[in-house]
Structures are given as C-alpha cells and as structure tokens.
N, C-alpha and C. Protein backbone atom coordinates (compact mmCIF):
# COMPACT_ATOMS: atom_id res chain seq x y z
N UNK A 1 83.06 72.60 122.21
CA UNK A 1 83.98 72.83 121.11
C UNK A 1 84.24 74.32 120.97
N UNK A 2 85.52 74.73 120.95
CA UNK A 2 85.80 76.16 120.85
C UNK A 2 85.39 76.71 119.49
N UNK A 3 84.96 77.95 119.50
CA UNK A 3 84.56 78.59 118.24
C UNK A 3 85.70 79.40 117.65
N UNK A 4 86.73 79.68 118.45
CA UNK A 4 87.89 80.41 117.94
C UNK A 4 89.04 79.42 117.73
N UNK A 5 89.89 79.71 116.76
CA UNK A 5 91.01 78.81 116.53
C UNK A 5 91.96 78.80 117.73
N UNK A 6 92.54 77.66 118.00
CA UNK A 6 93.48 77.59 119.11
C UNK A 6 94.88 77.94 118.61
N UNK A 7 95.69 78.42 119.52
CA UNK A 7 97.03 78.86 119.15
C UNK A 7 97.95 77.68 118.87
N UNK A 8 99.08 77.98 118.27
CA UNK A 8 100.07 76.94 117.98
C UNK A 8 100.56 76.27 119.27
N UNK A 9 100.91 77.03 120.32
CA UNK A 9 101.32 76.35 121.55
C UNK A 9 100.23 75.45 122.13
N UNK A 10 98.99 75.89 122.04
CA UNK A 10 97.88 75.06 122.54
C UNK A 10 97.76 73.76 121.75
N UNK A 11 97.88 73.87 120.44
CA UNK A 11 97.79 72.67 119.59
C UNK A 11 98.89 71.67 119.93
N UNK A 12 100.12 72.19 120.06
CA UNK A 12 101.25 71.31 120.35
C UNK A 12 101.12 70.67 121.73
N UNK A 13 100.58 71.41 122.68
CA UNK A 13 100.36 70.85 124.02
C UNK A 13 99.38 69.68 123.94
N UNK A 14 98.28 69.90 123.22
CA UNK A 14 97.28 68.84 123.09
C UNK A 14 97.82 67.64 122.32
N UNK A 15 98.65 67.89 121.34
CA UNK A 15 99.23 66.79 120.56
C UNK A 15 100.24 65.98 121.37
N UNK A 16 100.75 66.55 122.45
CA UNK A 16 101.72 65.81 123.26
C UNK A 16 101.05 64.81 124.22
N UNK A 17 99.72 64.79 124.22
CA UNK A 17 99.00 63.85 125.08
C UNK A 17 98.77 62.54 124.33
N UNK A 18 99.10 61.45 124.98
CA UNK A 18 98.90 60.11 124.40
C UNK A 18 97.68 59.49 125.07
N UNK A 19 96.52 59.45 124.39
CA UNK A 19 95.31 58.93 125.02
C UNK A 19 95.39 57.43 125.36
N UNK A 20 96.17 56.68 124.61
CA UNK A 20 96.29 55.24 124.92
C UNK A 20 97.04 55.01 126.22
N UNK A 21 98.07 55.82 126.45
CA UNK A 21 98.85 55.68 127.67
C UNK A 21 98.31 56.55 128.81
N UNK A 22 97.38 57.43 128.47
CA UNK A 22 96.76 58.36 129.43
C UNK A 22 97.77 59.24 130.14
N UNK A 23 98.70 59.74 129.35
CA UNK A 23 99.69 60.66 129.89
C UNK A 23 100.32 61.47 128.77
N UNK A 24 101.03 62.51 129.18
CA UNK A 24 101.74 63.35 128.23
C UNK A 24 103.08 62.71 127.89
N UNK A 25 103.54 62.93 126.68
CA UNK A 25 104.82 62.39 126.23
C UNK A 25 105.81 63.54 126.02
N UNK A 26 107.07 63.22 125.94
CA UNK A 26 108.08 64.22 125.65
C UNK A 26 108.22 65.29 126.71
N UNK A 27 108.14 64.91 127.97
CA UNK A 27 108.14 65.91 129.04
C UNK A 27 109.39 66.77 129.04
N UNK A 28 110.54 66.21 128.68
CA UNK A 28 111.77 66.98 128.66
C UNK A 28 111.81 68.03 127.58
N UNK A 29 111.22 67.75 126.46
CA UNK A 29 111.25 68.66 125.32
C UNK A 29 110.00 69.53 125.21
N UNK A 30 108.94 69.16 125.88
CA UNK A 30 107.66 69.87 125.71
C UNK A 30 107.78 71.35 126.05
N UNK A 31 108.47 71.68 127.12
CA UNK A 31 108.62 73.09 127.50
C UNK A 31 109.32 73.90 126.43
N UNK A 32 110.39 73.35 125.88
CA UNK A 32 111.11 74.03 124.81
C UNK A 32 110.23 74.20 123.58
N UNK A 33 109.50 73.15 123.25
CA UNK A 33 108.61 73.18 122.08
C UNK A 33 107.54 74.25 122.25
N UNK A 34 106.93 74.32 123.42
CA UNK A 34 105.86 75.30 123.65
C UNK A 34 106.40 76.73 123.65
N UNK A 35 107.59 76.93 124.22
CA UNK A 35 108.19 78.27 124.19
C UNK A 35 108.52 78.69 122.76
N UNK A 36 109.06 77.76 121.99
CA UNK A 36 109.38 78.07 120.59
C UNK A 36 108.12 78.40 119.80
N UNK A 37 107.04 77.68 120.06
CA UNK A 37 105.77 77.95 119.36
C UNK A 37 105.22 79.32 119.74
N UNK A 38 105.31 79.68 121.02
CA UNK A 38 104.82 81.00 121.46
C UNK A 38 105.66 82.11 120.84
N UNK A 39 106.97 81.94 120.80
CA UNK A 39 107.83 82.95 120.18
C UNK A 39 107.55 83.07 118.69
N UNK A 40 107.29 81.94 118.04
CA UNK A 40 106.96 81.95 116.61
C UNK A 40 105.69 82.73 116.34
N UNK A 41 104.68 82.53 117.17
CA UNK A 41 103.42 83.27 116.99
C UNK A 41 103.62 84.77 117.22
N UNK A 42 104.39 85.13 118.26
CA UNK A 42 104.65 86.54 118.53
C UNK A 42 105.43 87.19 117.38
N UNK A 43 106.39 86.47 116.84
CA UNK A 43 107.17 86.97 115.72
C UNK A 43 106.29 87.15 114.49
N UNK A 44 105.45 86.18 114.20
CA UNK A 44 104.56 86.25 113.04
C UNK A 44 103.54 87.38 113.18
N UNK A 45 103.13 87.68 114.42
CA UNK A 45 102.15 88.75 114.66
C UNK A 45 102.79 90.13 114.68
N UNK A 46 104.11 90.19 114.60
CA UNK A 46 104.79 91.47 114.61
C UNK A 46 104.99 92.04 116.00
N UNK A 47 104.78 91.24 117.03
CA UNK A 47 104.93 91.70 118.41
C UNK A 47 106.34 91.46 118.93
N UNK A 48 107.17 90.84 118.12
CA UNK A 48 108.52 90.47 118.53
C UNK A 48 109.42 90.58 117.32
N UNK A 49 110.67 90.96 117.57
CA UNK A 49 111.63 90.99 116.47
C UNK A 49 112.93 90.36 116.94
N UNK A 50 113.74 89.95 115.99
CA UNK A 50 115.03 89.35 116.27
C UNK A 50 116.09 90.44 116.17
N UNK A 51 116.78 90.72 117.25
CA UNK A 51 117.82 91.73 117.27
C UNK A 51 119.16 91.03 117.53
N UNK A 52 119.81 90.61 116.46
CA UNK A 52 121.10 89.92 116.54
C UNK A 52 121.03 88.69 117.44
N UNK A 53 119.98 87.89 117.25
CA UNK A 53 119.82 86.65 118.01
C UNK A 53 119.07 86.79 119.32
N UNK A 54 118.65 87.98 119.67
CA UNK A 54 117.89 88.21 120.91
C UNK A 54 116.46 88.60 120.57
N UNK A 55 115.53 88.07 121.32
CA UNK A 55 114.12 88.41 121.13
C UNK A 55 113.85 89.75 121.79
N UNK A 56 113.26 90.68 121.01
CA UNK A 56 112.96 92.02 121.52
C UNK A 56 111.49 92.32 121.24
N UNK A 57 110.79 92.78 122.28
CA UNK A 57 109.38 93.14 122.12
C UNK A 57 109.26 94.38 121.27
N UNK A 58 108.29 94.39 120.38
CA UNK A 58 108.01 95.55 119.55
C UNK A 58 106.93 96.36 120.24
N UNK A 59 107.23 97.65 120.52
CA UNK A 59 106.22 98.47 121.21
C UNK A 59 104.96 98.61 120.38
N UNK A 60 103.83 98.55 121.06
CA UNK A 60 102.53 98.70 120.40
C UNK A 60 102.26 100.18 120.20
N UNK A 61 101.97 100.58 118.98
CA UNK A 61 101.69 101.97 118.68
C UNK A 61 100.19 102.14 118.55
N UNK A 62 99.62 103.00 119.41
CA UNK A 62 98.17 103.26 119.32
C UNK A 62 97.92 104.36 118.32
N UNK A 63 96.84 104.22 117.58
CA UNK A 63 96.48 105.23 116.58
C UNK A 63 95.23 105.94 116.96
C-alpha cells in the first residue's frame, strides 16, 4: 500500500479498470481523460498557465 497520495491521473487510470471483466474500459477516451487530469494537476500546482487557450509552462524560480 502506498504511503504517499496518488495523483489524479493515477486514480483515474485505476478507476478505468473493470475487475469483473478483467480489462480496462473506455479505451478511446482514457487517453484524453488522463491528459486532462495531468494538465489540471499542473495548473493547480502553478506549473502551467493558460495563455489565450494555450498551455504554457511556468518557469521555476529558484530562491
């Protein structure tokens, strides 16, 4: 059992697995969902910004 929280993309990936059918579901949409989750986390962490509809990396400033 992991001791650190798992990321949003990791959670969504695990939730896309159907244990009864023993396979992943939503294969066509899963990639889009995982990319959107990763971008959401980067945006929330301040590592990404929206520049007129385009994703732009925010430079890391060392102190």
